[in-house]
């Protein structure tokens, strides 16, 4: 991860992969103190993105299931 990392997160799977990379780096104590806050902020953005994607998927599934009940 660099200071000029893209703000575009991409899909759910990509965000989850990046979160796992950040977590592994934090757990291994290899993260430079100067990059710690940057990584934590990025993790926060990724978590929010994943939650949003899950909420959207849940809503869509509920709508489809609801429409099946009407058939």
PDB file of N, CA and C in Angstrom:
ATOM      1  N   UNK A   1       0.845  -1.175   0.000  1.00  0.00           N
ATOM      2  CA  UNK A   1       0.000   0.000   0.000  1.00  0.00           C
ATOM      3  C   UNK A   1       0.887   1.233   0.000  1.00  0.00           C
ATOM      4  N   UNK A   2       0.517   2.202  -0.792  1.00  0.00           N
ATOM      5  CA  UNK A   2       1.304   3.427  -0.880  1.00  0.00           C
ATOM      6  C   UNK A   2       0.434   4.615  -0.539  1.00  0.00           C
ATOM      7  N   UNK A   3       1.078   5.777  -0.395  1.00  0.00           N
ATOM      8  CA  UNK A   3       0.321   6.989  -0.100  1.00  0.00           C
ATOM      9  C   UNK A   3      -0.604   7.363  -1.238  1.00  0.00           C
ATOM     10  N   UNK A   4      -0.266   6.958  -2.453  1.00  0.00           N
ATOM     11  CA  UNK A   4      -1.101   7.295  -3.594  1.00  0.00           C
ATOM     12  C   UNK A   4      -1.997   6.116  -3.980  1.00  0.00           C
ATOM     13  N   UNK A   5      -2.487   5.401  -2.961  1.00  0.00           N
ATOM     14  CA  UNK A   5      -3.384   4.284  -3.225  1.00  0.00           C
ATOM     15  C   UNK A   5      -4.693   4.792  -3.818  1.00  0.00           C
ATOM     16  N   UNK A   6      -5.310   4.000  -4.677  1.00  0.00           N
ATOM     17  CA  UNK A   6      -6.568   4.433  -5.273  1.00  0.00           C
ATOM     18  C   UNK A   6      -7.672   4.471  -4.233  1.00  0.00           C
ATOM     19  N   UNK A   7      -8.585   5.415  -4.391  1.00  0.00           N
ATOM     20  CA  UNK A   7      -9.722   5.479  -3.481  1.00  0.00           C
ATOM     21  C   UNK A   7     -10.813   4.531  -3.932  1.00  0.00           C
ATOM     22  N   UNK A   8     -10.731   4.057  -5.175  1.00  0.00           N
ATOM     23  CA  UNK A   8     -11.700   3.104  -5.685  1.00  0.00           C
ATOM     24  C   UNK A   8     -11.461   1.763  -5.007  1.00  0.00           C
ATOM     25  N   UNK A   9     -12.490   1.230  -4.403  1.00  0.00           N
ATOM     26  CA  UNK A   9     -12.349  -0.007  -3.650  1.00  0.00           C
ATOM     27  C   UNK A   9     -12.604  -1.224  -4.526  1.00  0.00           C
ATOM     28  N   UNK A  10     -13.504  -1.106  -5.470  1.00  0.00           N
ATOM     29  CA  UNK A  10     -13.815  -2.250  -6.317  1.00  0.00           C
ATOM     30  C   UNK A  10     -14.913  -3.096  -5.708  1.00  0.00           C
ATOM     31  N   UNK A  11     -14.903  -4.360  -6.030  1.00  0.00           N
ATOM     32  CA  UNK A  11     -15.948  -5.270  -5.582  1.00  0.00           C
ATOM     33  C   UNK A  11     -15.739  -5.766  -4.164  1.00  0.00           C
ATOM     34  N   UNK A  12     -16.714  -6.519  -3.708  1.00  0.00           N
ATOM     35  CA  UNK A  12     -16.698  -7.062  -2.354  1.00  0.00           C
ATOM     36  C   UNK A  12     -15.489  -7.968  -2.135  1.00  0.00           C
ATOM     37  N   UNK A  13     -15.247  -8.879  -3.067  1.00  0.00           N
ATOM     38  CA  UNK A  13     -14.144  -9.833  -2.912  1.00  0.00           C
ATOM     39  C   UNK A  13     -12.794  -9.119  -2.854  1.00  0.00           C
ATOM     40  N   UNK A  14     -12.616  -8.111  -3.691  1.00  0.00           N
ATOM     41  CA  UNK A  14     -11.360  -7.356  -3.690  1.00  0.00           C
ATOM     42  C   UNK A  14     -11.182  -6.611  -2.370  1.00  0.00           C
ATOM     43  N   UNK A  15     -12.263  -6.040  -1.863  1.00  0.00           N
ATOM     44  CA  UNK A  15     -12.199  -5.325  -0.589  1.00  0.00           C
ATOM     45  C   UNK A  15     -11.868  -6.281   0.546  1.00  0.00           C
ATOM     46  N   UNK A  16     -12.484  -7.451   0.527  1.00  0.00           N
ATOM     47  CA  UNK A  16     -12.222  -8.444   1.562  1.00  0.00           C
ATOM     48  C   UNK A  16     -10.773  -8.928   1.511  1.00  0.00           C
ATOM     49  N   UNK A  17     -10.259  -9.145   0.315  1.00  0.00           N
ATOM     50  CA  UNK A  17      -8.854  -9.548   0.167  1.00  0.00           C
ATOM     51  C   UNK A  17      -7.915  -8.483   0.728  1.00  0.00           C
ATOM     52  N   UNK A  18      -8.206  -7.225   0.413  1.00  0.00           N
ATOM     53  CA  UNK A  18      -7.352  -6.144   0.911  1.00  0.00           C
ATOM     54  C   UNK A  18      -7.440  -6.035   2.428  1.00  0.00           C
ATOM     55  N   UNK A  19      -8.634  -6.232   2.971  1.00  0.00           N
ATOM     56  CA  UNK A  19      -8.790  -6.218   4.430  1.00  0.00           C
ATOM     57  C   UNK A  19      -7.951  -7.317   5.075  1.00  0.00           C
ATOM     58  N   UNK A  20      -7.953  -8.487   4.475  1.00  0.00           N
ATOM     59  CA  UNK A  20      -7.164  -9.596   5.016  1.00  0.00           C
ATOM     60  C   UNK A  20      -5.671  -9.283   4.963  1.00  0.00           C
ATOM     61  N   UNK A  21      -5.229  -8.622   3.905  1.00  0.00           N
ATOM     62  CA  UNK A  21      -3.821  -8.224   3.803  1.00  0.00           C
ATOM     63  C   UNK A  21      -3.459  -7.221   4.898  1.00  0.00           C
ATOM     64  N   UNK A  22      -4.341  -6.256   5.118  1.00  0.00           N
ATOM     65  CA  UNK A  22      -4.096  -5.253   6.163  1.00  0.00           C
ATOM     66  C   UNK A  22      -4.049  -5.922   7.527  1.00  0.00           C
ATOM     67  N   UNK A  23      -4.998  -6.815   7.793  1.00  0.00           N
ATOM     68  CA  UNK A  23      -5.035  -7.514   9.074  1.00  0.00           C
ATOM     69  C   UNK A  23      -3.767  -8.332   9.294  1.00  0.00           C
ATOM     70  N   UNK A  24      -3.324  -9.036   8.268  1.00  0.00           N
ATOM     71  CA  UNK A  24      -2.099  -9.835   8.387  1.00  0.00           C
ATOM     72  C   UNK A  24      -0.901  -8.944   8.700  1.00  0.00           C
ATOM     73  N   UNK A  25      -0.823  -7.799   8.052  1.00  0.00           N
ATOM     74  CA  UNK A  25       0.287  -6.872   8.303  1.00  0.00           C
ATOM     75  C   UNK A  25       0.238  -6.337   9.729  1.00  0.00           C
ATOM     76  N   UNK A  26      -0.964  -6.007  10.197  1.00  0.00           N
ATOM     77  CA  UNK A  26      -1.097  -5.487  11.557  1.00  0.00           C
ATOM     78  C   UNK A  26      -0.762  -6.556  12.596  1.00  0.00           C
ATOM     79  N   UNK A  27      -1.173  -7.790  12.333  1.00  0.00           N
ATOM     80  CA  UNK A  27      -0.901  -8.878  13.274  1.00  0.00           C
ATOM     81  C   UNK A  27       0.572  -9.270  13.296  1.00  0.00           C
ATOM     82  N   UNK A  28       1.283  -9.047  12.207  1.00  0.00           N
ATOM     83  CA  UNK A  28       2.687  -9.453  12.141  1.00  0.00           C
ATOM     84  C   UNK A  28       3.636  -8.388  12.686  1.00  0.00           C
ATOM     85  N   UNK A  29       3.105  -7.278  13.105  1.00  0.00           N
ATOM     86  CA  UNK A  29       3.921  -6.180  13.650  1.00  0.00           C
ATOM     87  C   UNK A  29       4.939  -5.644  12.657  1.00  0.00           C
ATOM     88  N   UNK A  30       4.682  -5.785  11.367  1.00  0.00           N
ATOM     89  CA  UNK A  30       5.610  -5.262  10.364  1.00  0.00           C
ATOM     90  C   UNK A  30       5.189  -3.898   9.844  1.00  0.00           C
ATOM     91  N   UNK A  31       4.037  -3.424  10.282  1.00  0.00           N
ATOM     92  CA  UNK A  31       3.539  -2.141   9.807  1.00  0.00           C
ATOM     93  C   UNK A  31       4.327  -1.008  10.449  1.00  0.00           C
ATOM     94  N   UNK A  32       4.860  -0.153   9.623  1.00  0.00           N
ATOM     95  CA  UNK A  32       5.577   1.033  10.079  1.00  0.00           C
ATOM     96  C   UNK A  32       4.598   1.923  10.841  1.00  0.00           C
ATOM     97  N   UNK A  33       5.053   2.466  11.940  1.00  0.00           N
ATOM     98  CA  UNK A  33       4.209   3.336  12.756  1.00  0.00           C
ATOM     99  C   UNK A  33       3.643   4.486  11.925  1.00  0.00           C
ATOM    100  N   UNK A  34       4.421   4.974  10.978  1.00  0.00           N
ATOM    101  CA  UNK A  34       3.961   6.077  10.138  1.00  0.00           C
ATOM    102  C   UNK A  34       2.821   5.652   9.217  1.00  0.00           C
ATOM    103  N   UNK A  35       2.706   4.370   8.934  1.00  0.00           N
ATOM    104  CA  UNK A  35       1.653   3.865   8.057  1.00  0.00           C
ATOM    105  C   UNK A  35       0.471   3.277   8.820  1.00  0.00           C
ATOM    106  N   UNK A  36       0.588   3.152  10.131  1.00  0.00           N
ATOM    107  CA  UNK A  36      -0.459   2.522  10.930  1.00  0.00           C
ATOM    108  C   UNK A  36      -1.806   3.213  10.757  1.00  0.00           C
ATOM    109  N   UNK A  37      -1.849   4.522  10.932  1.00  0.00           N
ATOM    110  CA  UNK A  37      -3.110   5.259  10.810  1.00  0.00           C
ATOM    111  C   UNK A  37      -3.671   5.158   9.399  1.00  0.00           C
ATOM    112  N   UNK A  38      -2.800   5.192   8.403  1.00  0.00           N
ATOM    113  CA  UNK A  38      -3.241   5.084   7.009  1.00  0.00           C
ATOM    114  C   UNK A  38      -3.902   3.733   6.776  1.00  0.00           C
ATOM    115  N   UNK A  39      -3.292   2.678   7.285  1.00  0.00           N
ATOM    116  CA  UNK A  39      -3.855   1.333   7.103  1.00  0.00           C
ATOM    117  C   UNK A  39      -5.179   1.178   7.850  1.00  0.00           C
ATOM    118  N   UNK A  40      -5.255   1.717   9.043  1.00  0.00           N
ATOM    119  CA  UNK A  40      -6.495   1.616   9.817  1.00  0.00           C
ATOM    120  C   UNK A  40      -7.611   2.405   9.135  1.00  0.00           C
ATOM    121  N   UNK A  41      -7.301   3.576   8.609  1.00  0.00           N
ATOM    122  CA  UNK A  41      -8.305   4.357   7.876  1.00  0.00           C
ATOM    123  C   UNK A  41      -8.766   3.615   6.627  1.00  0.00           C
ATOM    124  N   UNK A  42      -7.833   2.988   5.926  1.00  0.00           N
ATOM    125  CA  UNK A  42      -8.191   2.218   4.730  1.00  0.00           C
ATOM    126  C   UNK A  42      -9.074   1.031   5.124  1.00  0.00           C
ATOM    127  N   UNK A  43      -8.729   0.360   6.212  1.00  0.00           N
ATOM    128  CA  UNK A  43      -9.537  -0.764   6.683  1.00  0.00           C
ATOM    129  C   UNK A  43     -10.951  -0.304   7.019  1.00  0.00           C
ATOM    130  N   UNK A  44     -11.070   0.853   7.633  1.00  0.00           N
ATOM    131  CA  UNK A  44     -12.389   1.407   7.951  1.00  0.00           C
ATOM    132  C   UNK A  44     -13.208   1.618   6.681  1.00  0.00           C
ATOM    133  N   UNK A  45     -12.593   2.190   5.659  1.00  0.00           N
ATOM    134  CA  UNK A  45     -13.297   2.418   4.391  1.00  0.00           C
ATOM    135  C   UNK A  45     -13.706   1.094   3.751  1.00  0.00           C
ATOM    136  N   UNK A  46     -12.832   0.109   3.817  1.00  0.00           N
ATOM    137  CA  UNK A  46     -13.141  -1.200   3.239  1.00  0.00           C
ATOM    138  C   UNK A  46     -14.285  -1.884   3.981  1.00  0.00           C
ATOM    139  N   UNK A  47     -14.275  -1.808   5.302  1.00  0.00           N
ATOM    140  CA  UNK A  47     -15.346  -2.407   6.101  1.00  0.00           C
ATOM    141  C   UNK A  47     -16.678  -1.740   5.786  1.00  0.00           C
ATOM    142  N   UNK A  48     -16.685  -0.420   5.708  1.00  0.00           N
ATOM    143  CA  UNK A  48     -17.924   0.292   5.373  1.00  0.00           C
ATOM    144  C   UNK A  48     -18.425  -0.117   3.983  1.00  0.00           C
ATOM    145  N   UNK A  49     -17.505  -0.258   3.046  1.00  0.00           N
ATOM    146  CA  UNK A  49     -17.859  -0.671   1.688  1.00  0.00           C
ATOM    147  C   UNK A  49     -18.477  -2.074   1.700  1.00  0.00           C
ATOM    148  N   UNK A  50     -17.848  -2.994   2.411  1.00  0.00           N
ATOM    149  CA  UNK A  50     -18.361  -4.369   2.473  1.00  0.00           C
ATOM    150  C   UNK A  50     -19.740  -4.411   3.125  1.00  0.00           C
ATOM    151  N   UNK A  51     -19.918  -3.671   4.192  1.00  0.00           N
ATOM    152  CA  UNK A  51     -21.237  -3.627   4.848  1.00  0.00           C
ATOM    153  C   UNK A  51     -22.300  -3.089   3.907  1.00  0.00           C
ATOM    154  N   UNK A  52     -21.957  -2.066   3.167  1.00  0.00           N
ATOM    155  CA  UNK A  52     -22.902  -1.489   2.213  1.00  0.00           C
ATOM    156  C   UNK A  52     -23.270  -2.501   1.138  1.00  0.00           C
ATOM    157  N   UNK A  53     -22.277  -3.202   0.618  1.00  0.00           N
ATOM    158  CA  UNK A  53     -22.542  -4.220  -0.410  1.00  0.00           C
ATOM    159  C   UNK A  53     -23.416  -5.335   0.142  1.00  0.00           C
ATOM    160  N   UNK A  54     -23.162  -5.754   1.377  1.00  0.00           N
ATOM    161  CA  UNK A  54     -23.983  -6.791   1.996  1.00  0.00           C
ATOM    162  C   UNK A  54     -25.412  -6.310   2.214  1.00  0.00           C
ATOM    163  N   UNK A  55     -25.566  -5.070   2.674  1.00  0.00           N
ATOM    164  CA  UNK A  55     -26.908  -4.510   2.866  1.00  0.00           C
ATOM    165  C   UNK A  55     -27.666  -4.444   1.548  1.00  0.00           C
ATOM    166  N   UNK A  56     -26.984  -4.017   0.485  1.00  0.00           N
ATOM    167  CA  UNK A  56     -27.617  -3.953  -0.839  1.00  0.00           C
ATOM    168  C   UNK A  56     -28.039  -5.339  -1.311  1.00  0.00           C
ATOM    169  N   UNK A  57     -27.170  -6.314  -1.119  1.00  0.00           N
ATOM    170  CA  UNK A  57     -27.486  -7.683  -1.544  1.00  0.00           C
ATOM    171  C   UNK A  57     -28.664  -8.231  -0.751  1.00  0.00           C
ATOM    172  N   UNK A  58     -28.687  -7.964   0.549  1.00  0.00           N
ATOM    173  CA  UNK A  58     -29.790  -8.429   1.395  1.00  0.00           C
ATOM    174  C   UNK A  58     -31.110  -7.830   0.928  1.00  0.00           C
ATOM    175  N   UNK A  59     -31.109  -6.551   0.616  1.00  0.00           N
ATOM    176  CA  UNK A  59     -32.318  -5.883   0.139  1.00  0.00           C
ATOM    177  C   UNK A  59     -32.795  -6.501  -1.170  1.00  0.00           C
ATOM    178  N   UNK A  60     -31.884  -6.728  -2.083  1.00  0.00           N
ATOM    179  CA  UNK A  60     -32.254  -7.318  -3.379  1.00  0.00           C
ATOM    180  C   UNK A  60     -32.805  -8.729  -3.210  1.00  0.00           C
ATOM    181  N   UNK A  61     -32.179  -9.526  -2.341  1.00  0.00           N
ATOM    182  CA  UNK A  61     -32.667 -10.885  -2.095  1.00  0.00           C
ATOM    183  C   UNK A  61     -34.060 -10.835  -1.476  1.00  0.00           C
ATOM    184  N   UNK A  62     -34.262  -9.953  -0.511  1.00  0.00           N
ATOM    185  CA  UNK A  62     -35.583  -9.814   0.112  1.00  0.00           C
ATOM    186  C   UNK A  62     -36.639  -9.431  -0.915  1.00  0.00           C
ATOM    187  N   UNK A  63     -36.277  -8.553  -1.851  1.00  0.00           N
ATOM    188  CA  UNK A  63     -37.224  -8.153  -2.894  1.00  0.00           C
ATOM    189  C   UNK A  63     -37.574  -9.323  -3.801  1.00  0.00           C
ATOM    190  N   UNK A  64     -36.589 -10.105  -4.175  1.00  0.00           N
ATOM    191  CA  UNK A  64     -36.842 -11.262  -5.042  1.00  0.00           C
ATOM    192  C   UNK A  64     -37.697 -12.291  -4.313  1.00  0.00           C
ATOM    193  N   UNK A  65     -37.349 -12.585  -3.073  1.00  0.00           N
ATOM    194  CA  UNK A  65     -38.125 -13.553  -2.302  1.00  0.00           C
ATOM    195  C   UNK A  65     -39.551 -13.046  -2.105  1.00  0.00           C
ATOM    196  N   UNK A  66     -39.699 -11.754  -1.845  1.00  0.00           N
ATOM    197  CA  UNK A  66     -41.031 -11.168  -1.693  1.00  0.00           C
ATOM    198  C   UNK A  66     -41.853 -11.293  -2.959  1.00  0.00           C
ATOM    199  N   UNK A  67     -41.225 -11.111  -4.097  1.00  0.00           N
ATOM    200  CA  UNK A  67     -41.963 -11.226  -5.356  1.00  0.00           C
ATOM    201  C   UNK A  67     -42.337 -12.676  -5.636  1.00  0.00           C
ATOM    202  N   UNK A  68     -41.559 -13.626  -5.149  1.00  0.00           N
ATOM    203  CA  UNK A  68     -41.898 -15.043  -5.322  1.00  0.00           C
ATOM    204  C   UNK A  68     -43.115 -15.424  -4.489  1.00  0.00           C
ATOM    205  N   UNK A  69     -43.260 -14.789  -3.338  1.00  0.00           N
ATOM    206  CA  UNK A  69     -44.421 -15.049  -2.489  1.00  0.00           C
ATOM    207  C   UNK A  69     -45.711 -14.616  -3.163  1.00  0.00           C
ATOM    208  N   UNK A  70     -45.621 -13.640  -4.058  1.00  0.00           N
ATOM    209  CA  UNK A  70     -46.802 -13.121  -4.743  1.00  0.00           C
ATOM    210  C   UNK A  70     -47.236 -14.014  -5.895  1.00  0.00           C
ATOM    211  N   UNK A  71     -46.359 -14.903  -6.319  1.00  0.00           N
ATOM    212  CA  UNK A  71     -46.661 -15.753  -7.484  1.00  0.00           C
ATOM    213  C   UNK A  71     -47.540 -16.903  -7.083  1.00  0.00           C
TER     214      UNK A  71
END
